[in-house]
Amino acid sequence: MSQEELLNNSSSPSLSKVLGKWSAMAMVVGAVIGSGIFAKPAANATASDSVSLIMIGWIAGGVITLISAVCMAELSLMMPKAGGTYVYIRQAYGRLPAFLSGWNETIFFQSTACAALAVYFTMTLGTTIGVEFSSLEIVFIVLGLQASLVTINCLGVVWGGIIQNITTVIKVSVLVAIACLPFLAVIVEGDSFSTTNLASTPLGGERPDSVIEMFTLIMLSVMWAYSGGWMVTSVAEEIKQPEKNLSFALIGGAIVLMAVYIAVNVSFHGALSLDEMVEIKEDPLRDVPQEAVGKYLAFGSAGLAKFGKALINAVIMVSALSALNTGFLTPPRVLFAMARDNMFIRSFAKVHPKTRAPYMAIIGQGIASMSIFLIVTGLVLFTGLGTDGTQEARNLNTAGDIFDQLTNTAVFSSTVFTVLTLGAVFVLRKREPDTPRPYLVPGYPVVPALALLVNGLFLILVATDDLKLSAFSIGFLIISIPIYYAFSRSDAEDSPADNE
């Protein structure tokens, strides 16, 4: 049975168009704002001795995201199908590159991200309620949280969308409030916001000597914070009037993210010097958002500052929960599309007749994420870091290092396919000039060429700066090639029966 026959077969339940433009935008913003804006400012402080360079990085990341979103809008409206970038790469380059794209996005990138977000949520929960969870308790909480979100998303995209809308409104509202704290500091004539912090260079700490190396490390952190903006394209089949709402969500979401991220980082750096941020990063029980908010609210009672820190913890948990929910909402649609193309486990193409959710693909995504979490947890627990009294802190720092390495690797591999997707704009314009395109990239070919150039330069910078990271990412893709041919062979063996 061909793809079009499967789509048009009335006996096969189809995906429902139930998401409006605000739900679609909430997916863009909610998928992106997760751990990055809270965890990465401290990482940037260890990478550079210049706040100006760090802010240039956040601005550059926003511009890259915006011009890339414009290109994604053309492709997503040309092919409003479940699967997102997987579909565009398949159409432009063929089945093998598409499989590698889907494999990277679902099995590696999103599974790693979901595992990291669930751990981040759990550790913040412990700090908030004043409980130091044991390793076994962390395992149960993380697995239980992921299982709960898998179950909710199996009930239908509308339920996942409701969670996304609520959590996105909460975290964006609080981030806007954080961005406004410097103005509060001026009003109360306090000294919590210091322009000296924005201009000075730190006195201590070990940082890269090269500006290029500094900027590369900054961009790795920044692009992790901006990553996930294209995930909404994976649910294109479930968005009402995609010709209007998809471009609104992609471009509008990118603008919101850029504005919020830049303003929040100005607030953080105005309250804390780079050296203070480095000290915070070295202490696993502290984080930049807590310390910055506590400093801004220090003009009031100690109780007010304490409340502010607790509120930030709660928002961090909501933020992680929102991004984690997106990880079980949109990537399964990629698995669904791959299975529908006979390029992955066939049962992943099943749609529940009542909820209209690709429930088997959602369950598969959950299993992949839980498996990666258990593997990484095992590596952390059995590394033999010593038996002295600081082992717990050292384990937490090791977990933080693993988190940074995993996110850096995920960003590199994701950008590889972002470059391929942006190139698809040119390939399909030439190969399929008459295909209807409800939205065209403005300024073609300059804008997509610029998006392709800056993403390509970022890849080159990372590849030359960290050969191990790029080699690991490429190696992970190479090991998936035999899996692709195994499914291709299975498809070829089954095709005679399918045609009878």
Protein backbone atom coordinates (compact mmCIF):
# COMPACT_ATOMS: atom_id res chain seq x y z
CA MET A 1 0.00 0.00 0.00
CA SER A 2 1.46 3.35 -1.03
CA GLN A 3 1.71 6.35 1.24
CA GLU A 4 -1.12 8.19 -0.51
CA GLU A 5 -3.33 5.09 -0.38
CA LEU A 6 -2.66 4.77 3.33
CA LEU A 7 -3.50 8.43 3.88
CA ASN A 8 -6.73 8.16 1.92
CA ASN A 9 -7.85 4.78 3.22
CA SER A 10 -10.98 5.40 5.27
CA SER A 11 -10.41 2.23 7.27
CA SER A 12 -7.17 3.68 8.63
CA PRO A 13 -7.76 6.30 11.36
CA SER A 14 -6.17 9.62 10.47
CA LEU A 15 -4.71 12.46 12.53
CA SER A 16 -7.16 15.18 13.56
CA LYS A 17 -6.76 18.91 12.82
CA VAL A 18 -7.42 20.35 16.28
CA LEU A 19 -4.57 22.81 16.93
CA GLY A 20 -5.03 26.55 16.38
CA LYS A 21 -2.37 29.20 15.75
CA TRP A 22 -1.83 30.02 19.44
CA SER A 23 -1.42 26.35 20.33
CA ALA A 24 1.05 26.04 17.45
CA MET A 25 3.02 29.06 18.68
CA ALA A 26 2.93 27.66 22.22
CA MET A 27 4.60 24.53 20.83
CA VAL A 28 7.36 26.60 19.25
CA VAL A 29 8.02 28.66 22.37
CA GLY A 30 7.32 25.82 24.79
CA ALA A 31 9.61 23.40 22.97
CA VAL A 32 12.49 25.86 22.95
CA ILE A 33 12.29 27.33 26.46
CA GLY A 34 13.39 24.41 28.58
CA SER A 35 16.66 24.17 30.46
CA GLY A 36 18.86 26.31 28.20
CA ILE A 37 17.94 29.80 29.36
CA PHE A 38 18.35 28.73 33.00
CA ALA A 39 21.39 26.42 32.80
CA LYS A 40 23.52 27.89 30.00
CA PRO A 41 24.30 31.44 31.26
CA ALA A 42 26.71 29.93 33.80
CA ALA A 43 28.27 27.75 31.08
CA ASN A 44 28.81 30.86 28.94
CA ALA A 45 30.53 32.59 31.87
CA THR A 46 33.11 29.79 31.96
CA ALA A 47 33.63 30.10 28.21
CA SER A 48 34.25 33.84 27.80
CA ASP A 49 35.69 36.86 29.61
CA SER A 50 33.39 39.27 27.77
CA VAL A 51 29.71 39.90 28.46
CA SER A 52 29.53 41.70 25.12
CA LEU A 53 30.67 38.57 23.29
CA ILE A 54 28.10 36.50 25.20
CA MET A 55 25.30 38.92 24.30
CA ILE A 56 26.43 38.91 20.66
CA GLY A 57 26.05 35.14 20.83
CA TRP A 58 22.45 35.38 22.08
CA ILE A 59 21.61 37.94 19.40
CA ALA A 60 23.28 35.82 16.69
CA GLY A 61 21.39 32.75 17.86
CA GLY A 62 18.13 34.66 17.64
CA VAL A 63 18.86 35.93 14.14
CA ILE A 64 19.86 32.44 12.97
CA THR A 65 16.64 31.04 14.44
CA LEU A 66 14.50 33.74 12.80
CA ILE A 67 15.90 33.47 9.27
CA SER A 68 15.85 29.68 9.51
CA ALA A 69 12.20 29.84 10.64
CA VAL A 70 11.33 31.82 7.52
CA CYS A 71 12.81 29.04 5.37
CA MET A 72 11.06 26.32 7.39
CA ALA A 73 7.76 28.14 6.86
CA GLU A 74 8.02 27.73 3.08
CA LEU A 75 8.81 24.02 3.32
CA SER A 76 6.19 23.27 5.98
CA LEU A 77 3.39 24.91 3.97
CA MET A 78 4.55 23.26 0.76
CA MET A 79 4.37 19.87 2.53
CA PRO A 80 2.06 20.13 5.58
CA LYS A 81 2.57 16.50 6.59
CA ALA A 82 3.41 14.79 9.85
CA GLY A 83 7.18 14.38 10.21
CA GLY A 84 8.47 17.91 9.66
CA THR A 85 12.10 18.12 8.55
CA TYR A 86 12.15 14.36 7.89
CA VAL A 87 9.54 14.90 5.16
CA TYR A 88 11.41 17.83 3.57
CA ILE A 89 14.73 15.96 3.50
CA ARG A 90 13.05 12.88 2.01
CA GLN A 91 11.48 14.97 -0.73
CA ALA A 92 14.73 16.78 -1.55
CA TYR A 93 17.42 14.12 -1.09
CA GLY A 94 15.81 10.69 -0.87
CA ARG A 95 15.08 7.98 1.66
CA LEU A 96 18.47 7.34 3.29
CA PRO A 97 19.17 10.99 4.26
CA ALA A 98 15.57 11.20 5.49
CA PHE A 99 16.01 8.10 7.63
CA LEU A 100 19.22 9.50 9.11
CA SER A 101 17.38 12.74 9.87
CA GLY A 102 14.50 10.96 11.58
CA TRP A 103 16.83 8.63 13.47
CA ASN A 104 18.89 11.55 14.75
CA GLU A 105 15.88 13.64 15.76
CA THR A 106 13.92 10.93 17.55
CA ILE A 107 16.29 8.25 18.81
CA PHE A 108 19.19 10.54 19.67
CA PHE A 109 18.42 14.26 19.89
CA GLN A 110 14.93 14.26 21.39
CA SER A 111 15.46 11.16 23.53
CA THR A 112 18.58 12.73 25.01
CA ALA A 113 16.79 16.04 25.51
CA CYS A 114 13.82 14.38 27.22
CA ALA A 115 16.09 12.43 29.55
CA ALA A 116 18.06 15.57 30.45
CA LEU A 117 14.90 17.62 31.03
CA ALA A 118 13.37 14.96 33.28
CA VAL A 119 16.54 14.87 35.40
CA TYR A 120 16.63 18.68 35.52
CA PHE A 121 13.00 18.72 36.71
CA THR A 122 13.69 16.13 39.42
CA MET A 123 16.80 17.83 40.81
CA THR A 124 14.99 21.19 40.93
CA LEU A 125 12.05 19.54 42.68
CA GLY A 126 14.39 18.24 45.38
CA THR A 127 15.92 21.68 45.89
CA THR A 128 12.49 23.32 46.07
CA ILE A 129 11.02 21.01 48.71
CA GLY A 130 14.31 20.65 50.58
CA VAL A 131 14.72 16.92 49.97
CA GLU A 132 17.90 15.24 48.78
CA PHE A 133 16.64 12.38 46.63
CA SER A 134 18.55 9.13 46.59
CA SER A 135 19.69 7.73 43.24
CA LEU A 136 16.86 5.18 43.31
CA GLU A 137 14.28 7.88 44.05
CA ILE A 138 15.58 9.96 41.15
CA VAL A 139 15.21 6.97 38.84
CA PHE A 140 11.61 6.35 39.93
CA ILE A 141 10.63 10.04 39.65
CA VAL A 142 12.20 10.49 36.21
CA LEU A 143 10.67 7.30 34.81
CA GLY A 144 7.30 8.07 36.40
CA LEU A 145 7.28 11.60 34.99
CA GLN A 146 8.08 10.41 31.48
CA ALA A 147 5.52 7.60 31.67
CA SER A 148 2.84 10.08 32.79
CA LEU A 149 3.49 12.44 29.87
CA VAL A 150 3.55 9.52 27.42
CA THR A 151 0.13 8.47 28.72
CA ILE A 152 -1.32 11.99 28.45
CA ASN A 153 -0.12 12.41 24.86
CA CYS A 154 -1.56 9.02 23.93
CA LEU A 155 -4.97 10.47 24.89
CA GLY A 156 -4.76 12.82 21.91
CA VAL A 157 -2.90 15.87 20.64
CA VAL A 158 -5.48 18.20 22.18
CA TRP A 159 -4.46 17.16 25.72
CA GLY A 160 -0.78 17.59 25.00
CA GLY A 161 -1.65 20.95 23.47
CA ILE A 162 -3.53 22.06 26.59
CA ILE A 163 -0.52 21.27 28.79
CA GLN A 164 1.70 23.13 26.33
CA ASN A 165 -0.48 26.24 26.33
CA ILE A 166 -0.70 26.46 30.13
CA THR A 167 2.97 25.80 30.86
CA THR A 168 4.17 28.12 28.08
CA VAL A 169 2.09 31.05 29.37
CA ILE A 170 3.44 30.50 32.90
CA LYS A 171 7.12 30.36 32.00
CA VAL A 172 7.04 33.18 29.45
CA SER A 173 5.24 35.41 31.98
CA VAL A 174 7.87 34.75 34.64
CA LEU A 175 10.75 35.24 32.19
CA VAL A 176 9.26 38.60 31.20
CA ALA A 177 9.06 39.45 34.91
CA ILE A 178 12.75 38.53 35.32
CA ALA A 179 13.58 40.77 32.36
CA CYS A 180 11.79 43.64 34.13
CA LEU A 181 13.69 43.23 37.42
CA PRO A 182 16.46 45.70 36.43
CA PHE A 183 13.79 48.40 36.11
CA LEU A 184 12.56 47.50 39.60
CA ALA A 185 16.12 47.88 40.87
CA VAL A 186 16.28 51.39 39.40
CA ILE A 187 12.91 52.35 40.90
CA VAL A 188 13.86 51.27 44.43
CA GLU A 189 17.33 52.82 43.99
CA GLY A 190 19.05 49.59 44.92
CA ASP A 191 22.48 48.44 43.80
CA SER A 192 21.41 44.98 42.63
CA PHE A 193 21.75 45.94 38.94
CA SER A 194 25.26 47.03 38.05
CA THR A 195 26.33 48.26 34.64
CA THR A 196 29.87 47.43 35.74
CA ASN A 197 28.96 43.74 35.48
CA LEU A 198 28.05 44.27 31.83
CA ALA A 199 31.32 45.96 30.93
CA SER A 200 34.00 44.40 33.14
CA THR A 201 36.11 41.34 32.52
CA PRO A 202 36.53 38.69 35.23
CA LEU A 203 39.64 38.42 37.36
CA GLY A 204 39.92 34.66 37.69
CA GLY A 205 38.99 31.34 36.16
CA GLU A 206 40.40 29.44 33.21
CA ARG A 207 38.91 30.35 29.86
CA PRO A 208 39.90 29.78 26.22
CA ASP A 209 42.56 32.13 24.86
CA SER A 210 41.07 32.42 21.38
CA VAL A 211 38.04 34.62 20.71
CA ILE A 212 36.92 32.13 18.06
CA GLU A 213 37.06 29.28 20.57
CA MET A 214 35.16 31.38 23.11
CA PHE A 215 32.46 32.22 20.58
CA THR A 216 32.16 28.59 19.47
CA LEU A 217 31.54 27.45 23.05
CA ILE A 218 29.06 30.29 23.56
CA MET A 219 27.17 29.35 20.40
CA LEU A 220 26.96 25.70 21.45
CA SER A 221 25.18 26.80 24.62
CA VAL A 222 23.07 29.40 22.84
CA MET A 223 21.94 27.06 20.06
CA TRP A 224 20.91 24.46 22.65
CA ALA A 225 18.76 27.15 24.28
CA TYR A 226 17.21 28.00 20.88
CA SER A 227 16.86 24.39 19.70
CA GLY A 228 13.48 22.79 19.12
CA GLY A 229 11.82 25.61 17.19
CA TRP A 230 11.04 23.39 14.18
CA MET A 231 9.33 20.66 16.19
CA VAL A 232 5.91 22.16 15.50
CA THR A 233 6.30 21.22 11.81
CA SER A 234 6.06 17.57 12.86
CA VAL A 235 2.39 18.09 13.78
CA ALA A 236 1.51 19.99 10.59
CA GLU A 237 -1.26 17.49 9.76
CA GLU A 238 -2.95 18.33 13.07
CA ILE A 239 -2.92 22.14 12.74
CA LYS A 240 -6.01 23.99 11.54
CA GLN A 241 -5.43 26.10 8.42
CA PRO A 242 -1.68 25.38 8.30
CA GLU A 243 -1.27 27.83 5.41
CA LYS A 244 -1.95 30.61 7.93
CA ASN A 245 -1.11 29.21 11.32
CA LEU A 246 2.22 27.43 10.68
CA SER A 247 4.07 30.48 9.38
CA PHE A 248 2.58 32.58 12.20
CA ALA A 249 3.79 30.06 14.79
CA LEU A 250 7.30 29.62 13.35
CA ILE A 251 8.13 33.27 12.71
CA GLY A 252 6.20 34.75 15.63
CA GLY A 253 7.67 32.19 18.01
CA ALA A 254 11.23 32.97 16.86
CA ILE A 255 10.69 36.69 17.47
CA VAL A 256 9.26 36.09 20.96
CA LEU A 257 12.17 33.81 21.87
CA MET A 258 14.81 36.24 20.68
CA ALA A 259 13.31 39.16 22.61
CA VAL A 260 12.83 37.18 25.83
CA TYR A 261 16.28 35.55 25.78
CA ILE A 262 18.17 38.79 25.20
CA ALA A 263 16.22 40.67 27.89
CA VAL A 264 16.59 37.87 30.46
CA ASN A 265 20.34 37.62 29.88
CA VAL A 266 20.75 41.37 30.36
CA SER A 267 18.93 40.93 33.67
CA PHE A 268 21.14 38.01 34.75
CA HIS A 269 24.40 39.73 33.82
CA GLY A 270 23.32 43.00 35.40
CA ALA A 271 22.91 41.24 38.75
CA LEU A 272 25.89 38.88 38.65
CA SER A 273 29.44 39.28 37.41
CA LEU A 274 31.04 36.60 35.24
CA ASP A 275 33.20 35.47 38.15
CA GLU A 276 30.12 35.10 40.35
CA MET A 277 28.48 32.98 37.65
CA VAL A 278 31.56 30.76 37.45
CA GLU A 279 31.43 30.22 41.22
CA ILE A 280 27.74 29.35 40.96
CA LYS A 281 28.40 26.80 38.22
CA GLU A 282 31.01 25.09 40.39
CA ASP A 283 28.44 24.71 43.20
CA PRO A 284 25.85 22.06 42.17
CA LEU A 285 23.38 23.35 44.76
CA ARG A 286 23.18 26.88 43.27
CA ASP A 287 22.09 28.28 39.92
CA VAL A 288 22.20 31.64 38.15
CA PRO A 289 18.42 32.37 37.98
CA GLN A 290 17.97 31.81 41.73
CA GLU A 291 20.94 33.95 42.69
CA ALA A 292 20.04 36.77 40.31
CA VAL A 293 16.40 36.96 41.42
CA GLY A 294 17.41 36.73 45.07
CA LYS A 295 19.79 39.65 44.59
CA TYR A 296 17.15 41.79 42.90
CA LEU A 297 14.65 41.13 45.70
CA ALA A 298 17.17 41.71 48.48
CA PHE A 299 15.83 45.26 48.96
CA GLY A 300 12.83 43.73 50.77
CA SER A 301 12.69 41.23 53.59
CA ALA A 302 14.68 38.02 53.63
CA GLY A 303 11.36 36.26 53.17
CA LEU A 304 10.75 38.08 49.87
CA ALA A 305 14.11 36.98 48.48
CA LYS A 306 13.45 33.42 49.66
CA PHE A 307 10.03 33.48 48.01
CA GLY A 308 11.59 34.73 44.78
CA LYS A 309 14.09 31.87 44.73
CA ALA A 310 11.34 29.32 45.40
CA LEU A 311 9.25 30.83 42.61
CA ILE A 312 12.16 30.54 40.19
CA ASN A 313 12.57 26.88 41.11
CA ALA A 314 8.88 26.31 40.42
CA VAL A 315 9.16 28.04 37.05
CA ILE A 316 12.23 26.00 36.13
CA MET A 317 10.21 22.85 36.83
CA VAL A 318 7.29 24.14 34.75
CA SER A 319 9.72 25.07 31.97
CA ALA A 320 11.34 21.64 31.97
CA LEU A 321 7.90 19.99 32.09
CA SER A 322 6.70 22.04 29.13
CA ALA A 323 9.73 21.20 26.98
CA LEU A 324 9.56 17.56 28.08
CA ASN A 325 5.89 17.40 27.09
CA THR A 326 6.79 18.69 23.63
CA GLY A 327 9.34 15.89 23.39
CA PHE A 328 6.51 13.37 23.61
CA LEU A 329 4.14 15.42 21.49
CA THR A 330 6.00 16.21 18.26
CA PRO A 331 8.93 13.76 17.73
CA PRO A 332 6.60 10.72 17.73
CA ARG A 333 5.04 12.20 14.59
CA VAL A 334 8.44 11.75 12.93
CA LEU A 335 8.48 8.07 13.94
CA PHE A 336 4.90 7.87 12.66
CA ALA A 337 5.92 9.34 9.28
CA MET A 338 8.94 7.02 9.02
CA ALA A 339 6.78 3.98 9.77
CA ARG A 340 4.18 5.16 7.25
CA ASP A 341 6.99 5.22 4.67
CA ASN A 342 8.04 1.68 5.68
CA MET A 343 11.34 2.99 7.04
CA PHE A 344 10.83 2.04 10.67
CA ILE A 345 8.81 -0.28 12.90
CA ARG A 346 5.48 -0.72 11.10
CA SER A 347 3.33 -0.58 14.22
CA PHE A 348 4.51 3.02 14.81
CA ALA A 349 2.20 4.05 11.94
CA LYS A 350 -0.89 3.03 13.94
CA VAL A 351 -3.36 5.76 14.91
CA HIS A 352 -5.76 5.11 17.78
CA PRO A 353 -9.34 5.05 16.42
CA LYS A 354 -10.72 7.12 19.32
CA THR A 355 -7.96 9.53 20.34
CA ARG A 356 -6.51 9.86 16.81
CA ALA A 357 -3.04 9.84 18.36
CA PRO A 358 -0.07 7.87 16.93
CA TYR A 359 0.03 6.01 20.22
CA MET A 360 2.57 3.34 19.29
CA ALA A 361 5.06 5.97 18.10
CA ILE A 362 4.53 7.94 21.33
CA ILE A 363 5.18 4.83 23.40
CA GLY A 364 8.28 4.09 21.31
CA GLN A 365 9.61 7.61 21.88
CA GLY A 366 9.04 7.18 25.62
CA ILE A 367 10.92 3.88 25.69
CA ALA A 368 13.87 5.43 23.81
CA SER A 369 14.07 8.36 26.22
CA MET A 370 13.83 6.16 29.31
CA SER A 371 16.52 3.85 27.92
CA ILE A 372 18.97 6.71 27.36
CA PHE A 373 18.27 8.00 30.86
CA LEU A 374 19.01 4.59 32.39
CA ILE A 375 22.22 4.24 30.37
CA VAL A 376 23.52 7.69 31.37
CA THR A 377 22.48 7.13 34.99
CA GLY A 378 24.42 3.89 35.04
CA LEU A 379 27.52 5.65 33.69
CA VAL A 380 27.27 8.35 36.38
CA LEU A 381 26.68 5.94 39.26
CA PHE A 382 29.42 3.50 38.35
CA THR A 383 32.29 5.82 37.41
CA GLY A 384 34.03 5.31 40.78
CA LEU A 385 34.54 8.95 41.67
CA GLY A 386 35.87 8.25 45.15
CA THR A 387 34.50 7.69 48.63
CA ASP A 388 35.26 10.93 50.44
CA GLY A 389 32.65 13.25 51.88
CA THR A 390 32.41 15.32 48.70
CA GLN A 391 31.36 12.43 46.50
CA GLU A 392 27.74 13.57 46.26
CA ALA A 393 28.74 17.01 45.02
CA ARG A 394 31.27 15.48 42.65
CA ASN A 395 28.60 13.15 41.26
CA LEU A 396 26.31 16.12 40.72
CA ASN A 397 29.08 18.01 38.93
CA THR A 398 29.78 14.94 36.80
CA ALA A 399 26.10 14.77 35.90
CA GLY A 400 26.28 18.45 34.93
CA ASP A 401 29.31 17.80 32.73
CA ILE A 402 27.51 14.88 31.06
CA PHE A 403 24.49 17.13 30.53
CA ASP A 404 26.65 19.78 28.82
CA GLN A 405 28.41 17.21 26.64
CA LEU A 406 25.14 15.56 25.61
CA THR A 407 23.51 18.88 24.76
CA ASN A 408 26.56 20.03 22.77
CA THR A 409 26.61 16.77 20.81
CA ALA A 410 22.87 16.95 20.20
CA VAL A 411 23.13 20.53 18.93
CA PHE A 412 25.90 19.61 16.47
CA SER A 413 24.03 16.63 15.03
CA SER A 414 20.78 18.59 14.85
CA THR A 415 22.47 21.44 12.97
CA VAL A 416 23.75 18.98 10.35
CA PHE A 417 20.16 18.28 9.34
CA THR A 418 19.12 21.90 9.71
CA VAL A 419 21.70 22.68 7.01
CA LEU A 420 20.29 19.91 4.80
CA THR A 421 16.75 21.18 5.37
CA LEU A 422 17.69 24.76 4.47
CA GLY A 423 19.37 23.45 1.34
CA ALA A 424 16.09 21.76 0.44
CA VAL A 425 14.59 25.20 -0.23
CA PHE A 426 16.97 25.58 -3.21
CA VAL A 427 16.69 21.95 -4.34
CA LEU A 428 12.90 21.93 -4.42
CA ARG A 429 12.60 25.42 -5.97
CA LYS A 430 14.64 24.09 -8.91
CA ARG A 431 13.19 20.56 -9.10
CA GLU A 432 9.54 21.37 -8.35
CA PRO A 433 8.99 24.98 -9.45
CA ASP A 434 5.26 24.45 -10.09
CA THR A 435 4.41 22.88 -6.73
CA PRO A 436 2.01 25.19 -4.82
CA ARG A 437 3.74 27.18 -2.09
CA PRO A 438 1.30 29.13 0.12
CA TYR A 439 4.30 30.93 1.64
CA LEU A 440 7.50 32.00 -0.12
CA VAL A 441 10.74 32.96 1.61
CA PRO A 442 11.08 36.75 1.27
CA GLY A 443 14.33 37.91 -0.29
CA TYR A 444 14.99 34.60 -2.06
CA PRO A 445 17.73 33.52 -2.71
CA VAL A 446 19.59 35.85 -0.32
CA VAL A 447 17.72 34.98 2.89
CA PRO A 448 17.93 31.16 2.60
CA ALA A 449 21.54 31.46 1.43
CA LEU A 450 22.34 33.53 4.52
CA ALA A 451 20.60 30.99 6.77
CA LEU A 452 22.54 28.20 5.10
CA LEU A 453 25.82 30.10 5.42
CA VAL A 454 25.58 30.92 9.13
CA ASN A 455 24.45 27.41 10.08
CA GLY A 456 27.23 25.95 7.94
CA LEU A 457 29.85 28.21 9.53
CA PHE A 458 28.63 27.16 12.97
CA LEU A 459 29.09 23.50 12.00
CA ILE A 460 32.62 24.17 10.77
CA LEU A 461 33.54 26.05 13.96
CA VAL A 462 32.29 23.21 16.16
CA ALA A 463 33.86 20.48 14.03
CA THR A 464 37.30 22.13 14.07
CA ASP A 465 37.10 23.07 17.76
CA ASP A 466 35.93 19.69 19.10
CA LEU A 467 36.81 16.79 16.83
CA LYS A 468 35.65 14.20 19.38
CA LEU A 469 32.19 15.73 19.56
CA SER A 470 31.74 15.86 15.79
CA ALA A 471 33.19 12.36 15.36
CA PHE A 472 30.78 10.96 17.96
CA SER A 473 27.81 12.60 16.22
CA ILE A 474 28.84 11.29 12.81
CA GLY A 475 29.56 7.85 14.28
CA PHE A 476 26.07 7.68 15.77
CA LEU A 477 24.61 8.35 12.32
CA ILE A 478 26.85 5.77 10.64
CA ILE A 479 25.71 2.97 12.94
CA SER A 480 22.12 3.65 11.90
CA ILE A 481 22.80 2.97 8.20
CA PRO A 482 22.62 -0.86 8.58
CA ILE A 483 19.31 -0.38 10.40
CA TYR A 484 17.98 1.57 7.42
CA TYR A 485 18.96 -1.18 4.99
CA ALA A 486 17.44 -3.80 7.27
CA PHE A 487 14.08 -2.02 7.08
CA SER A 488 14.51 -1.45 3.34
CA ARG A 489 15.13 -5.16 2.79
CA SER A 490 12.12 -6.02 4.92
CA ASP A 491 10.01 -3.62 2.86
CA ALA A 492 11.21 -5.21 -0.38
CA GLU A 493 10.39 -8.70 0.90
CA ASP A 494 6.91 -7.64 1.96
CA SER A 495 6.04 -5.63 -1.15
CA PRO A 496 4.83 -8.58 -3.32
CA ALA A 497 2.30 -9.49 -0.68
CA ASP A 498 1.23 -5.88 -0.37
CA ASN A 499 0.43 -5.73 -4.06
CA GLU A 500 -1.69 -8.86 -4.19
